[in-house]
C-alpha atoms as a PDB file:
ATOM      1  CA  MET A   1      19.526   7.187 -12.662  1.00  0.00           C
ATOM      2  CA  GLU A   2      20.193   8.590  -9.436  1.00  0.00           C
ATOM      3  CA  PRO A   3      17.655   9.961  -6.595  1.00  0.00           C
ATOM      4  CA  ARG A   4      16.409  13.115  -7.431  1.00  0.00           C
ATOM      5  CA  PHE A   5      15.560  14.567  -4.841  1.00  0.00           C
ATOM      6  CA  ASP A   6      15.281  13.944  -1.035  1.00  0.00           C
ATOM      7  CA  LEU A   7      11.806  15.183  -0.023  1.00  0.00           C
ATOM      8  CA  ASN A   8      13.173  14.166   3.768  1.00  0.00           C
ATOM      9  CA  ALA A   9      16.305  16.760   3.213  1.00  0.00           C
ATOM     10  CA  ASN A  10      13.866  19.655   2.663  1.00  0.00           C
ATOM     11  CA  ALA A  11      12.461  21.435   5.673  1.00  0.00           C
ATOM     12  CA  LEU A  12       9.158  22.041   4.072  1.00  0.00           C
ATOM     13  CA  GLY A  13       9.201  18.230   2.575  1.00  0.00           C
ATOM     14  CA  ALA A  14      10.226  16.556   5.963  1.00  0.00           C
ATOM     15  CA  LYS A  15       7.019  18.896   7.529  1.00  0.00           C
ATOM     16  CA  ILE A  16       4.679  17.375   4.873  1.00  0.00           C
ATOM     17  CA  GLY A  17       5.878  14.133   5.204  1.00  0.00           C
ATOM     18  CA  LYS A  18       5.427  13.923   8.890  1.00  0.00           C
ATOM     19  CA  ARG A  19       1.853  14.986   8.370  1.00  0.00           C
ATOM     20  CA  PHE A  20       1.364  12.172   5.911  1.00  0.00           C
ATOM     21  CA  ALA A  21       2.921   9.807   8.479  1.00  0.00           C
ATOM     22  CA  HIS A  22      -0.089  10.673  10.831  1.00  0.00           C
ATOM     23  CA  THR A  23      -2.428   9.663   8.497  1.00  0.00           C
ATOM     24  CA  SER A  24      -0.587   6.275   7.678  1.00  0.00           C
ATOM     25  CA  VAL A  25      -0.552   5.800  11.619  1.00  0.00           C
ATOM     26  CA  ALA A  26      -4.473   6.220  11.893  1.00  0.00           C
ATOM     27  CA  ILE A  27      -4.785   3.706   9.325  1.00  0.00           C
ATOM     28  CA  MET A  28      -2.782   1.412  11.028  1.00  0.00           C
ATOM     29  CA  GLN A  29      -4.931   1.883  14.240  1.00  0.00           C
ATOM     30  CA  SER A  30      -8.036   0.884  12.286  1.00  0.00           C
ATOM     31  CA  GLY A  31      -8.183  -2.405  13.033  1.00  0.00           C
ATOM     32  CA  LEU A  32      -6.915  -3.577   9.479  1.00  0.00           C
ATOM     33  CA  PRO A  33      -4.382  -6.423   9.883  1.00  0.00           C
ATOM     34  CA  LYS A  34      -1.077  -5.282   9.342  1.00  0.00           C
ATOM     35  CA  SER A  35      -0.371  -7.850   7.058  1.00  0.00           C
ATOM     36  CA  LEU A  36      -3.806  -6.741   4.727  1.00  0.00           C
ATOM     37  CA  VAL A  37      -2.304  -3.506   5.039  1.00  0.00           C
ATOM     38  CA  GLU A  38       0.872  -4.438   3.815  1.00  0.00           C
ATOM     39  CA  LEU A  39      -0.484  -6.636   0.913  1.00  0.00           C
ATOM     40  CA  VAL A  40      -2.596  -3.684  -0.417  1.00  0.00           C
ATOM     41  CA  GLU A  41       0.301  -1.673  -0.461  1.00  0.00           C
ATOM     42  CA  LEU A  42       2.551  -4.254  -2.175  1.00  0.00           C
ATOM     43  CA  ARG A  43      -0.181  -4.465  -4.705  1.00  0.00           C
ATOM     44  CA  ALA A  44      -0.656  -1.225  -5.583  1.00  0.00           C
ATOM     45  CA  SER A  45       3.174  -0.072  -5.336  1.00  0.00           C
ATOM     46  CA  GLN A  46       3.636  -3.366  -8.259  1.00  0.00           C
ATOM     47  CA  LEU A  47       0.866  -1.596 -10.133  1.00  0.00           C
ATOM     48  CA  ASN A  48       2.564   1.961  -9.963  1.00  0.00           C
ATOM     49  CA  GLY A  49       6.473   0.637 -10.856  1.00  0.00           C
ATOM     50  CA  CYS A  50       7.317   2.247  -7.419  1.00  0.00           C
ATOM     51  CA  GLY A  51      10.885   0.170  -6.260  1.00  0.00           C
ATOM     52  CA  PHE A  52      11.268   1.711  -3.179  1.00  0.00           C
ATOM     53  CA  CYS A  53       7.571   0.910  -2.141  1.00  0.00           C
ATOM     54  CA  VAL A  54       8.066  -2.629  -3.334  1.00  0.00           C
ATOM     55  CA  ASP A  55      10.885  -3.444  -1.791  1.00  0.00           C
ATOM     56  CA  ALA A  56       9.768  -2.093   1.458  1.00  0.00           C
ATOM     57  CA  HIS A  57       6.287  -3.889   1.908  1.00  0.00           C
ATOM     58  CA  ALA A  58       7.749  -6.955   0.368  1.00  0.00           C
ATOM     59  CA  LYS A  59      10.457  -6.914   3.246  1.00  0.00           C
ATOM     60  CA  GLU A  60       7.651  -5.176   5.703  1.00  0.00           C
ATOM     61  CA  LEU A  61       5.586  -8.802   4.725  1.00  0.00           C
ATOM     62  CA  ALA A  62       8.746 -11.077   5.299  1.00  0.00           C
ATOM     63  CA  ALA A  63       9.603  -9.637   8.495  1.00  0.00           C
ATOM     64  CA  ALA A  64       6.512 -10.298   9.925  1.00  0.00           C
ATOM     65  CA  GLY A  65       6.097 -13.913   9.121  1.00  0.00           C
ATOM     66  CA  GLU A  66       4.059 -14.097   5.740  1.00  0.00           C
ATOM     67  CA  PRO A  67       4.999 -16.877   3.712  1.00  0.00           C
ATOM     68  CA  ALA A  68       7.223 -16.261   0.316  1.00  0.00           C
ATOM     69  CA  VAL A  69       4.315 -17.986  -1.748  1.00  0.00           C
ATOM     70  CA  ARG A  70       1.962 -15.213  -0.697  1.00  0.00           C
ATOM     71  CA  ILE A  71       4.483 -12.224  -1.122  1.00  0.00           C
ATOM     72  CA  ASN A  72       5.431 -13.575  -4.344  1.00  0.00           C
ATOM     73  CA  LEU A  73       1.580 -14.337  -5.766  1.00  0.00           C
ATOM     74  CA  VAL A  74       0.625 -11.049  -4.767  1.00  0.00           C
ATOM     75  CA  ALA A  75       1.177  -9.701  -8.468  1.00  0.00           C
ATOM     76  CA  ALA A  76      -0.927 -12.462  -9.485  1.00  0.00           C
ATOM     77  CA  TRP A  77      -3.421 -12.769  -6.627  1.00  0.00           C
ATOM     78  CA  ARG A  78      -6.413 -13.607  -9.079  1.00  0.00           C
ATOM     79  CA  GLU A  79      -4.910 -16.633 -10.000  1.00  0.00           C
ATOM     80  CA  SER A  80      -3.898 -18.041  -6.859  1.00  0.00           C
ATOM     81  CA  THR A  81      -5.447 -19.865  -4.054  1.00  0.00           C
ATOM     82  CA  VAL A  82      -3.284 -18.311  -1.133  1.00  0.00           C
ATOM     83  CA  PHE A  83      -5.463 -14.969  -0.239  1.00  0.00           C
ATOM     84  CA  THR A  84      -8.902 -15.338   1.614  1.00  0.00           C
ATOM     85  CA  GLU A  85     -12.026 -13.833   0.328  1.00  0.00           C
ATOM     86  CA  ALA A  86     -11.540 -10.899   2.287  1.00  0.00           C
ATOM     87  CA  GLU A  87      -8.240 -10.293   0.842  1.00  0.00           C
ATOM     88  CA  GLN A  88      -8.863 -10.447  -2.373  1.00  0.00           C
ATOM     89  CA  ALA A  89     -11.512  -7.968  -2.300  1.00  0.00           C
ATOM     90  CA  ALA A  90      -9.072  -5.620  -0.342  1.00  0.00           C
ATOM     91  CA  LEU A  91      -6.830  -6.246  -3.507  1.00  0.00           C
ATOM     92  CA  ALA A  92      -9.260  -5.838  -5.907  1.00  0.00           C
ATOM     93  CA  LEU A  93     -10.342  -2.606  -4.332  1.00  0.00           C
ATOM     94  CA  ALA A  94      -6.080  -1.601  -4.246  1.00  0.00           C
ATOM     95  CA  GLU A  95      -6.406  -2.332  -7.946  1.00  0.00           C
ATOM     96  CA  GLU A  96      -9.221  -0.754  -9.034  1.00  0.00           C
ATOM     97  CA  GLY A  97      -8.426   2.272  -6.888  1.00  0.00           C
ATOM     98  CA  THR A  98      -4.854   2.695  -8.641  1.00  0.00           C
ATOM     99  CA  ARG A  99      -5.576   2.069 -11.861  1.00  0.00           C
ATOM    100  CA  VAL A 100      -8.744   4.669 -11.864  1.00  0.00           C
ATOM    101  CA  ALA A 101      -7.138   6.265 -14.907  1.00  0.00           C
ATOM    102  CA  ASP A 102      -7.154   3.248 -17.110  1.00  0.00           C
ATOM    103  CA  ALA A 103     -10.380   1.689 -15.827  1.00  0.00           C
ATOM    104  CA  HIS A 104     -13.549   3.358 -17.370  1.00  0.00           C
ATOM    105  CA  HIS A 105     -15.419   2.382 -13.833  1.00  0.00           C
ATOM    106  CA  GLY A 106     -13.235   3.356 -11.120  1.00  0.00           C
ATOM    107  CA  VAL A 107     -14.179   0.969  -8.214  1.00  0.00           C
ATOM    108  CA  SER A 108     -16.653  -1.418  -9.661  1.00  0.00           C
ATOM    109  CA  ASP A 109     -19.880  -2.280  -7.769  1.00  0.00           C
ATOM    110  CA  ALA A 110     -18.797  -5.507  -7.430  1.00  0.00           C
ATOM    111  CA  THR A 111     -15.750  -4.770  -5.808  1.00  0.00           C
ATOM    112  CA  TRP A 112     -17.501  -2.515  -3.541  1.00  0.00           C
ATOM    113  CA  ALA A 113     -19.797  -5.011  -2.389  1.00  0.00           C
ATOM    114  CA  LEU A 114     -17.282  -7.593  -1.704  1.00  0.00           C
ATOM    115  CA  VAL A 115     -15.536  -4.609   0.065  1.00  0.00           C
ATOM    116  CA  ARG A 116     -19.019  -4.103   2.410  1.00  0.00           C
ATOM    117  CA  LYS A 117     -19.192  -7.640   2.817  1.00  0.00           C
ATOM    118  CA  HIS A 118     -15.739  -8.144   4.684  1.00  0.00           C
ATOM    119  CA  TYR A 119     -15.080  -4.904   6.195  1.00  0.00           C
ATOM    120  CA  ASP A 120     -17.062  -2.656   8.718  1.00  0.00           C
ATOM    121  CA  ASP A 121     -17.739   1.011   8.385  1.00  0.00           C
ATOM    122  CA  ASP A 122     -14.201   1.885  10.197  1.00  0.00           C
ATOM    123  CA  GLN A 123     -12.119  -0.904   7.861  1.00  0.00           C
ATOM    124  CA  THR A 124     -13.899   0.116   5.038  1.00  0.00           C
ATOM    125  CA  ALA A 125     -12.750   4.001   5.635  1.00  0.00           C
ATOM    126  CA  ALA A 126      -9.352   2.684   6.484  1.00  0.00           C
ATOM    127  CA  LEU A 127      -9.051   0.694   2.983  1.00  0.00           C
ATOM    128  CA  VAL A 128     -10.087   3.724   1.055  1.00  0.00           C
ATOM    129  CA  TYR A 129      -7.347   5.818   2.913  1.00  0.00           C
ATOM    130  CA  LEU A 130      -5.055   3.316   2.531  1.00  0.00           C
ATOM    131  CA  VAL A 131      -5.378   3.130  -1.307  1.00  0.00           C
ATOM    132  CA  ALA A 132      -5.345   6.491  -1.375  1.00  0.00           C
ATOM    133  CA  MET A 133      -2.277   6.823   0.410  1.00  0.00           C
ATOM    134  CA  ILE A 134      -0.338   4.325  -0.889  1.00  0.00           C
ATOM    135  CA  ASN A 135      -1.071   5.855  -4.383  1.00  0.00           C
ATOM    136  CA  ALA A 136       0.469   9.338  -3.187  1.00  0.00           C
ATOM    137  CA  ALA A 137       3.009   7.837  -1.584  1.00  0.00           C
ATOM    138  CA  ASN A 138       4.012   5.453  -4.666  1.00  0.00           C
ATOM    139  CA  ARG A 139       3.869   8.970  -6.831  1.00  0.00           C
ATOM    140  CA  LEU A 140       6.458  11.022  -4.429  1.00  0.00           C
ATOM    141  CA  LEU A 141       8.956   8.470  -4.641  1.00  0.00           C
ATOM    142  CA  VAL A 142       8.474   7.439  -8.424  1.00  0.00           C
ATOM    143  CA  ILE A 143       8.804  11.401  -9.113  1.00  0.00           C
ATOM    144  CA  THR A 144      11.617  11.635  -7.047  1.00  0.00           C
ATOM    145  CA  ARG A 145      13.112   7.974  -8.538  1.00  0.00           C
ATOM    146  CA  THR A 146      13.778   6.795  -4.839  1.00  0.00           C
ATOM    147  CA  LYS A 147      15.410   3.617  -5.619  1.00  0.00           C
ATOM    148  CA  GLY A 148      14.079   0.027  -4.187  1.00  0.00           C
ATOM    149  CA  GLY A 149      16.803  -2.513  -2.788  1.00  0.00           C
ATOM    150  CA  SER A 150      18.111  -0.707   0.489  1.00  0.00           C
ATOM    151  CA  TYR A 151      14.852  -0.983   2.699  1.00  0.00           C
ATOM    152  CA  GLN A 152      15.248  -2.217   6.565  1.00  0.00           C
ATOM    153  CA  ALA A 153      11.907  -3.789   8.147  1.00  0.00           C
ATOM    154  CA  GLY A 154      10.724  -1.596  10.587  1.00  0.00           C
ATOM    155  CA  THR A 155      12.142   1.446   9.486  1.00  0.00           C
ATOM    156  CA  PHE A 156       8.931   3.456   9.628  1.00  0.00           C
ATOM    157  CA  ASP A 157       7.459   1.471  12.936  1.00  0.00           C
ATOM    158  CA  ALA A 158       7.788   4.944  14.618  1.00  0.00           C
ATOM    159  CA  ALA A 159       6.573   6.861  12.012  1.00  0.00           C
ATOM    160  CA  GLY A 160       4.483   9.944  13.057  1.00  0.00           C
ATOM    161  CA  ASP A 161       5.856   9.854  16.640  1.00  0.00           C
END
């Protein structure tokens, strides 16, 4: 399948995309570790079947020096020993926040309590926006059939400039 539409080649799409990128910059300035942001984005992207985003976030993690074992185990984080309790809380939030349509409870009280145990108010706000934003990005790229495989690490480092 070929991509359906290049949002960035459309003037309005690019204008909206720039504002979208500004939100991502604010999240990156929140104090959350970049590796955590990428892990959360990778997990949500796996759940949503966004090939471009899975490619991008796996490559960003690798370029930042994240061990392959951690990148490879994101999809099975509950059955691994390589993630901290704080990372597990964020990954649980990513999963439950992504699966709101098929999870009758949305984000569980237990997951929320773990998030609040490990993250301060600003970090919690950033995590909530992060989950919402990666889900929106996944949907944009799945709808337009943007394929994974060609992403180059660092492509979005200047996003929002």
